[in-house]
Amino acid sequence: MAGVVAILGSGRCGSTVLGALLGAAPNAVFVGELRHVHRDRDRPCRCGDVQCAIWRAVADLLPRVRDRGGHRHLPEALWGEEADDSEAELVDGLAAAAGVPWVVDTSKTPAWALRMARRRPVLALTLQRSAPGLASAHAARRGLRPQPGRSAVSLAAHDVATGAALAAAGRVLGSTPLVWEDVARDPTAVVADLAARGGPDARGPLAHLMSGGALPIGHPKTANRMADAREFRLAPPEDVVPASYRAAVWAMEALRRWR
């Protein structure tokens, strides 16, 4: 039975880069957001192989997987009975095809991680991003001015929902809290911690990244801002918030941390 490294967080929290780093470990495979594979099942794998053996091995399972990872699915994930084994079969099939014991999943929601934890070991990483960082990410992606208030409110709501779910399921799923800005500058601590816990050992790939090298993105099918990338490099997050908005962004972040 394969284990899952579940990266939890809000949208644009940096989960793809962290997932790709951990998936570069020799005992893991990064597969992107499994909760969305039914939607993106016809997309090519980002490894670049149009006949990717890993996804070809589980092709028959993809139409059966449904997105039951939203916050509205939390009650079912916490207390419901599992009647469908499609997610479990998918994880085990991907791990077997890759020949590794760990699957790195960036579905990001606690409900999906709790579903995974019913049948297998799960190492959960709660990846948070500052409101300035989130505003910067949205501004860079859309070419629009950042919305600091919306970023702070969105992050606060996600923090509350994730924290409540993990507290309710503490007997099943433990979580390591991380801040993306810290991880992006130096992922050494999180990589060493996972290796010490018997999870993916990405210390070799990390050394390559820290020396300026690039790593393959792995085997995600789901689409995001790195949809066309086949490799990545480690770089500190950039603050692209316009100066006229920066004070407001940091004010909202201070309010979020104070709550």
Protein backbone atom coordinates (compact mmCIF):
# COMPACT_ATOMS: atom_id res chain seq x y z
CA MET A 1 0.00 0.00 0.00
CA ALA A 2 1.48 3.31 -1.12
CA GLY A 3 1.74 6.32 1.16
CA VAL A 4 0.69 9.85 0.22
CA VAL A 5 2.39 13.16 0.87
CA ALA A 6 -0.60 15.51 0.87
CA ILE A 7 0.21 19.20 0.40
CA LEU A 8 -2.61 21.34 1.78
CA GLY A 9 -3.07 25.04 1.13
CA SER A 10 -4.94 27.71 -0.77
CA GLY A 11 -4.65 28.28 -4.49
CA ARG A 12 -1.29 29.68 -5.65
CA CYS A 13 0.41 28.70 -2.40
CA GLY A 14 3.52 27.22 -4.08
CA SER A 15 2.36 23.61 -3.88
CA THR A 16 3.44 22.71 -7.44
CA VAL A 17 7.08 23.61 -6.86
CA LEU A 18 7.21 21.89 -3.46
CA GLY A 19 5.42 18.85 -4.88
CA ALA A 20 7.82 18.62 -7.82
CA LEU A 21 10.81 18.87 -5.47
CA LEU A 22 9.54 16.07 -3.23
CA GLY A 23 8.50 14.02 -6.25
CA ALA A 24 12.06 14.17 -7.57
CA ALA A 25 13.09 11.91 -4.68
CA PRO A 26 14.03 8.39 -5.82
CA ASN A 27 11.28 6.90 -3.62
CA ALA A 28 8.41 9.18 -4.72
CA VAL A 29 6.43 10.38 -7.73
CA PHE A 30 4.71 13.76 -8.11
CA VAL A 31 1.31 13.48 -9.81
CA GLY A 32 -0.23 16.93 -9.28
CA GLU A 33 -3.81 17.37 -8.07
CA LEU A 34 -5.39 13.92 -8.00
CA ARG A 35 -8.81 15.32 -7.09
CA HIS A 36 -8.97 16.85 -10.60
CA VAL A 37 -7.69 13.98 -12.74
CA HIS A 38 -11.20 13.17 -13.99
CA ARG A 39 -11.35 16.71 -15.42
CA ASP A 40 -7.85 16.64 -16.90
CA ARG A 41 -7.60 12.99 -17.84
CA ASP A 42 -7.20 13.83 -21.53
CA ARG A 43 -4.35 16.26 -20.93
CA PRO A 44 -0.82 14.97 -21.67
CA CYS A 45 1.51 14.23 -18.78
CA ARG A 46 3.97 17.07 -18.22
CA CYS A 47 6.89 14.65 -18.31
CA GLY A 48 6.69 15.19 -22.08
CA ASP A 49 5.93 11.57 -23.00
CA VAL A 50 2.58 11.46 -24.80
CA GLN A 51 2.40 7.77 -23.89
CA CYS A 52 3.47 8.20 -20.26
CA ALA A 53 3.62 4.69 -18.79
CA ILE A 54 2.59 5.88 -15.33
CA TRP A 55 -0.74 7.33 -16.46
CA ARG A 56 -1.32 4.66 -19.09
CA ALA A 57 -1.23 2.08 -16.28
CA VAL A 58 -4.22 3.71 -14.55
CA ALA A 59 -6.14 4.97 -17.61
CA ASP A 60 -9.16 2.78 -16.85
CA LEU A 61 -9.48 4.28 -13.36
CA LEU A 62 -9.48 7.97 -14.30
CA PRO A 63 -13.14 8.25 -15.38
CA ARG A 64 -14.21 6.78 -12.01
CA VAL A 65 -12.41 9.32 -9.85
CA ARG A 66 -14.59 12.22 -8.74
CA ASP A 67 -13.71 15.47 -7.02
CA ARG A 68 -14.88 14.85 -3.48
CA GLY A 69 -12.27 17.08 -1.91
CA GLY A 70 -14.14 20.37 -1.50
CA HIS A 71 -14.96 21.82 1.90
CA ARG A 72 -18.56 20.67 1.49
CA HIS A 73 -17.23 17.10 1.51
CA LEU A 74 -15.58 17.46 4.94
CA PRO A 75 -18.39 15.78 6.93
CA GLU A 76 -18.30 12.78 4.61
CA ALA A 77 -14.49 12.66 4.76
CA LEU A 78 -14.52 12.82 8.57
CA TRP A 79 -17.40 10.53 9.44
CA GLY A 80 -18.82 8.94 6.30
CA GLU A 81 -18.36 5.37 5.13
CA GLU A 82 -16.16 4.73 2.12
CA ALA A 83 -18.15 3.02 -0.61
CA ASP A 84 -15.84 3.67 -3.57
CA ASP A 85 -12.26 2.40 -3.79
CA SER A 86 -11.37 4.34 -6.95
CA GLU A 87 -9.08 6.87 -5.19
CA ALA A 88 -7.25 4.10 -3.31
CA GLU A 89 -6.82 2.08 -6.49
CA LEU A 90 -5.55 5.14 -8.33
CA VAL A 91 -2.88 5.93 -5.72
CA ASP A 92 -1.69 2.33 -5.56
CA GLY A 93 -1.71 2.05 -9.36
CA LEU A 94 0.38 5.21 -9.81
CA ALA A 95 2.90 4.12 -7.18
CA ALA A 96 3.19 0.64 -8.69
CA ALA A 97 3.69 2.03 -12.19
CA ALA A 98 6.41 4.39 -10.95
CA GLY A 99 7.97 1.71 -8.75
CA VAL A 100 7.96 3.91 -5.63
CA PRO A 101 6.31 3.76 -2.18
CA TRP A 102 5.19 7.44 -2.02
CA VAL A 103 2.84 9.54 -4.14
CA VAL A 104 3.01 13.34 -3.80
CA ASP A 105 -0.43 14.91 -4.23
CA THR A 106 -1.14 18.67 -4.35
CA SER A 107 -4.94 18.53 -4.22
CA LYS A 108 -4.59 20.98 -1.30
CA THR A 109 -7.86 20.34 0.54
CA PRO A 110 -8.18 18.61 3.94
CA ALA A 111 -11.24 16.66 2.78
CA TRP A 112 -9.24 14.95 0.02
CA ALA A 113 -6.29 14.27 2.34
CA LEU A 114 -8.62 12.73 4.92
CA ARG A 115 -10.09 10.45 2.28
CA MET A 116 -6.57 9.29 1.46
CA ALA A 117 -5.79 8.73 5.15
CA ARG A 118 -8.57 6.18 5.56
CA ARG A 119 -6.63 3.45 3.84
CA ARG A 120 -2.96 4.45 3.87
CA PRO A 121 -0.25 6.45 5.64
CA VAL A 122 -0.46 10.17 4.89
CA LEU A 123 2.19 12.81 5.59
CA ALA A 124 0.41 16.16 5.46
CA LEU A 125 2.13 19.48 4.82
CA THR A 126 0.04 22.61 5.36
CA LEU A 127 1.58 25.21 3.06
CA GLN A 128 0.54 28.78 3.83
CA ARG A 129 1.38 31.88 1.85
CA SER A 130 1.38 35.44 3.08
CA ALA A 131 -1.29 37.81 1.81
CA PRO A 132 1.38 39.94 0.09
CA GLY A 133 2.70 36.81 -1.62
CA LEU A 134 -0.75 35.74 -2.75
CA ALA A 135 -1.56 39.22 -4.02
CA SER A 136 1.75 39.23 -5.91
CA ALA A 137 1.01 35.85 -7.47
CA HIS A 138 -2.42 36.90 -8.71
CA ALA A 139 -1.09 40.22 -10.01
CA ALA A 140 1.71 38.51 -11.92
CA ARG A 141 -0.59 35.86 -13.39
CA ARG A 142 -3.44 38.07 -14.52
CA GLY A 143 -1.68 41.35 -15.20
CA LEU A 144 -4.13 43.04 -12.84
CA ARG A 145 -3.66 45.12 -9.75
CA PRO A 146 -3.54 43.02 -6.56
CA GLN A 147 -6.51 42.75 -4.22
CA PRO A 148 -4.95 42.67 -0.73
CA GLY A 149 -8.25 42.57 1.13
CA ARG A 150 -9.52 39.63 -0.88
CA SER A 151 -6.20 37.81 -0.46
CA ALA A 152 -6.18 38.20 3.32
CA VAL A 153 -9.84 37.19 3.71
CA SER A 154 -9.38 34.17 1.43
CA LEU A 155 -6.33 33.00 3.35
CA ALA A 156 -7.99 33.50 6.73
CA ALA A 157 -11.03 31.48 5.67
CA HIS A 158 -8.86 28.69 4.32
CA ASP A 159 -6.74 28.65 7.50
CA VAL A 160 -9.83 28.29 9.67
CA ALA A 161 -11.36 25.51 7.57
CA THR A 162 -8.11 23.55 7.34
CA GLY A 163 -7.31 23.97 11.02
CA ALA A 164 -10.78 22.84 12.10
CA ALA A 165 -10.68 19.79 9.84
CA LEU A 166 -7.24 18.69 10.99
CA ALA A 167 -8.17 19.23 14.64
CA ALA A 168 -11.29 17.10 14.22
CA ALA A 169 -9.26 14.37 12.55
CA GLY A 170 -6.13 14.63 14.67
CA ARG A 171 -6.34 10.93 15.44
CA VAL A 172 -5.96 10.20 11.72
CA LEU A 173 -3.91 12.93 10.13
CA GLY A 174 -1.07 15.01 11.52
CA SER A 175 0.16 18.08 9.68
CA THR A 176 3.42 20.01 9.43
CA PRO A 177 2.78 23.78 9.03
CA LEU A 178 4.95 25.55 6.46
CA VAL A 179 5.20 29.09 5.10
CA TRP A 180 5.88 29.22 1.36
CA GLU A 181 8.18 32.23 1.53
CA ASP A 182 10.42 30.34 3.98
CA VAL A 183 10.33 27.12 1.96
CA ALA A 184 11.15 28.92 -1.28
CA ARG A 185 14.25 30.51 0.23
CA ASP A 186 15.54 27.30 1.80
CA PRO A 187 13.59 23.98 1.68
CA THR A 188 16.31 22.13 3.64
CA ALA A 189 14.30 21.77 6.86
CA VAL A 190 11.13 20.32 5.31
CA VAL A 191 13.10 17.96 3.06
CA ALA A 192 15.19 16.68 5.99
CA ASP A 193 12.08 16.27 8.18
CA LEU A 194 10.24 14.16 5.60
CA ALA A 195 13.31 11.97 5.04
CA ALA A 196 13.66 11.46 8.81
CA ARG A 197 10.00 10.39 9.01
CA GLY A 198 10.51 7.73 6.37
CA GLY A 199 8.89 9.77 3.61
CA PRO A 200 10.35 10.96 0.29
CA ASP A 201 14.10 11.55 0.54
CA ALA A 202 14.68 14.55 -1.72
CA ARG A 203 18.01 15.62 -0.22
CA GLY A 204 19.90 14.71 -3.40
CA PRO A 205 17.57 16.59 -5.76
CA LEU A 206 17.54 19.55 -3.37
CA ALA A 207 21.33 19.78 -3.43
CA HIS A 208 21.12 19.92 -7.23
CA LEU A 209 18.56 22.73 -7.06
CA MET A 210 20.51 24.70 -4.49
CA SER A 211 23.54 24.59 -6.78
CA GLY A 212 21.52 26.29 -9.52
CA GLY A 213 20.40 23.22 -11.41
CA ALA A 214 16.95 22.35 -12.76
CA LEU A 215 14.72 19.36 -12.03
CA PRO A 216 11.96 17.75 -14.09
CA ILE A 217 8.46 18.80 -13.08
CA GLY A 218 7.34 15.20 -12.60
CA HIS A 219 4.08 13.63 -13.78
CA PRO A 220 1.16 16.01 -13.15
CA LYS A 221 -1.68 16.18 -15.62
CA THR A 222 -3.64 19.00 -14.01
CA ALA A 223 -3.38 22.50 -15.42
CA ASN A 224 -2.03 25.52 -13.54
CA ARG A 225 0.37 28.40 -14.17
CA MET A 226 3.18 25.88 -14.85
CA ALA A 227 1.03 23.93 -17.32
CA ASP A 228 3.68 23.99 -20.05
CA ALA A 229 6.74 23.61 -17.82
CA ARG A 230 8.74 20.40 -17.93
CA GLU A 231 11.38 21.49 -15.46
CA PHE A 232 11.80 24.07 -12.73
CA ARG A 233 14.43 25.91 -10.74
CA LEU A 234 14.35 27.12 -7.17
CA ALA A 235 14.06 30.90 -6.86
CA PRO A 236 13.04 33.18 -3.96
CA PRO A 237 9.52 34.57 -4.34
CA GLU A 238 9.35 37.98 -5.95
CA ASP A 239 7.25 40.80 -4.58
CA VAL A 240 5.53 42.25 -7.63
CA VAL A 241 2.90 44.21 -5.70
CA PRO A 242 2.94 47.80 -7.01
CA ALA A 243 4.31 50.28 -4.49
CA SER A 244 0.98 52.10 -4.27
CA TYR A 245 -0.66 48.94 -2.94
CA ARG A 246 2.14 47.50 -0.82
CA ALA A 247 1.16 49.26 2.43
CA ALA A 248 -2.42 48.04 2.16
CA VAL A 249 -1.29 44.50 1.43
CA TRP A 250 0.95 44.36 4.48
CA ALA A 251 -1.76 45.93 6.65
CA MET A 252 -4.18 43.16 5.71
CA GLU A 253 -1.51 40.54 6.37
CA ALA A 254 -0.92 41.99 9.85
CA LEU A 255 -4.67 41.81 10.52
CA ARG A 256 -4.78 38.18 9.37
CA ARG A 257 -1.92 37.18 11.65
CA TRP A 258 -3.47 39.03 14.58
CA ARG A 259 -6.80 37.20 14.44
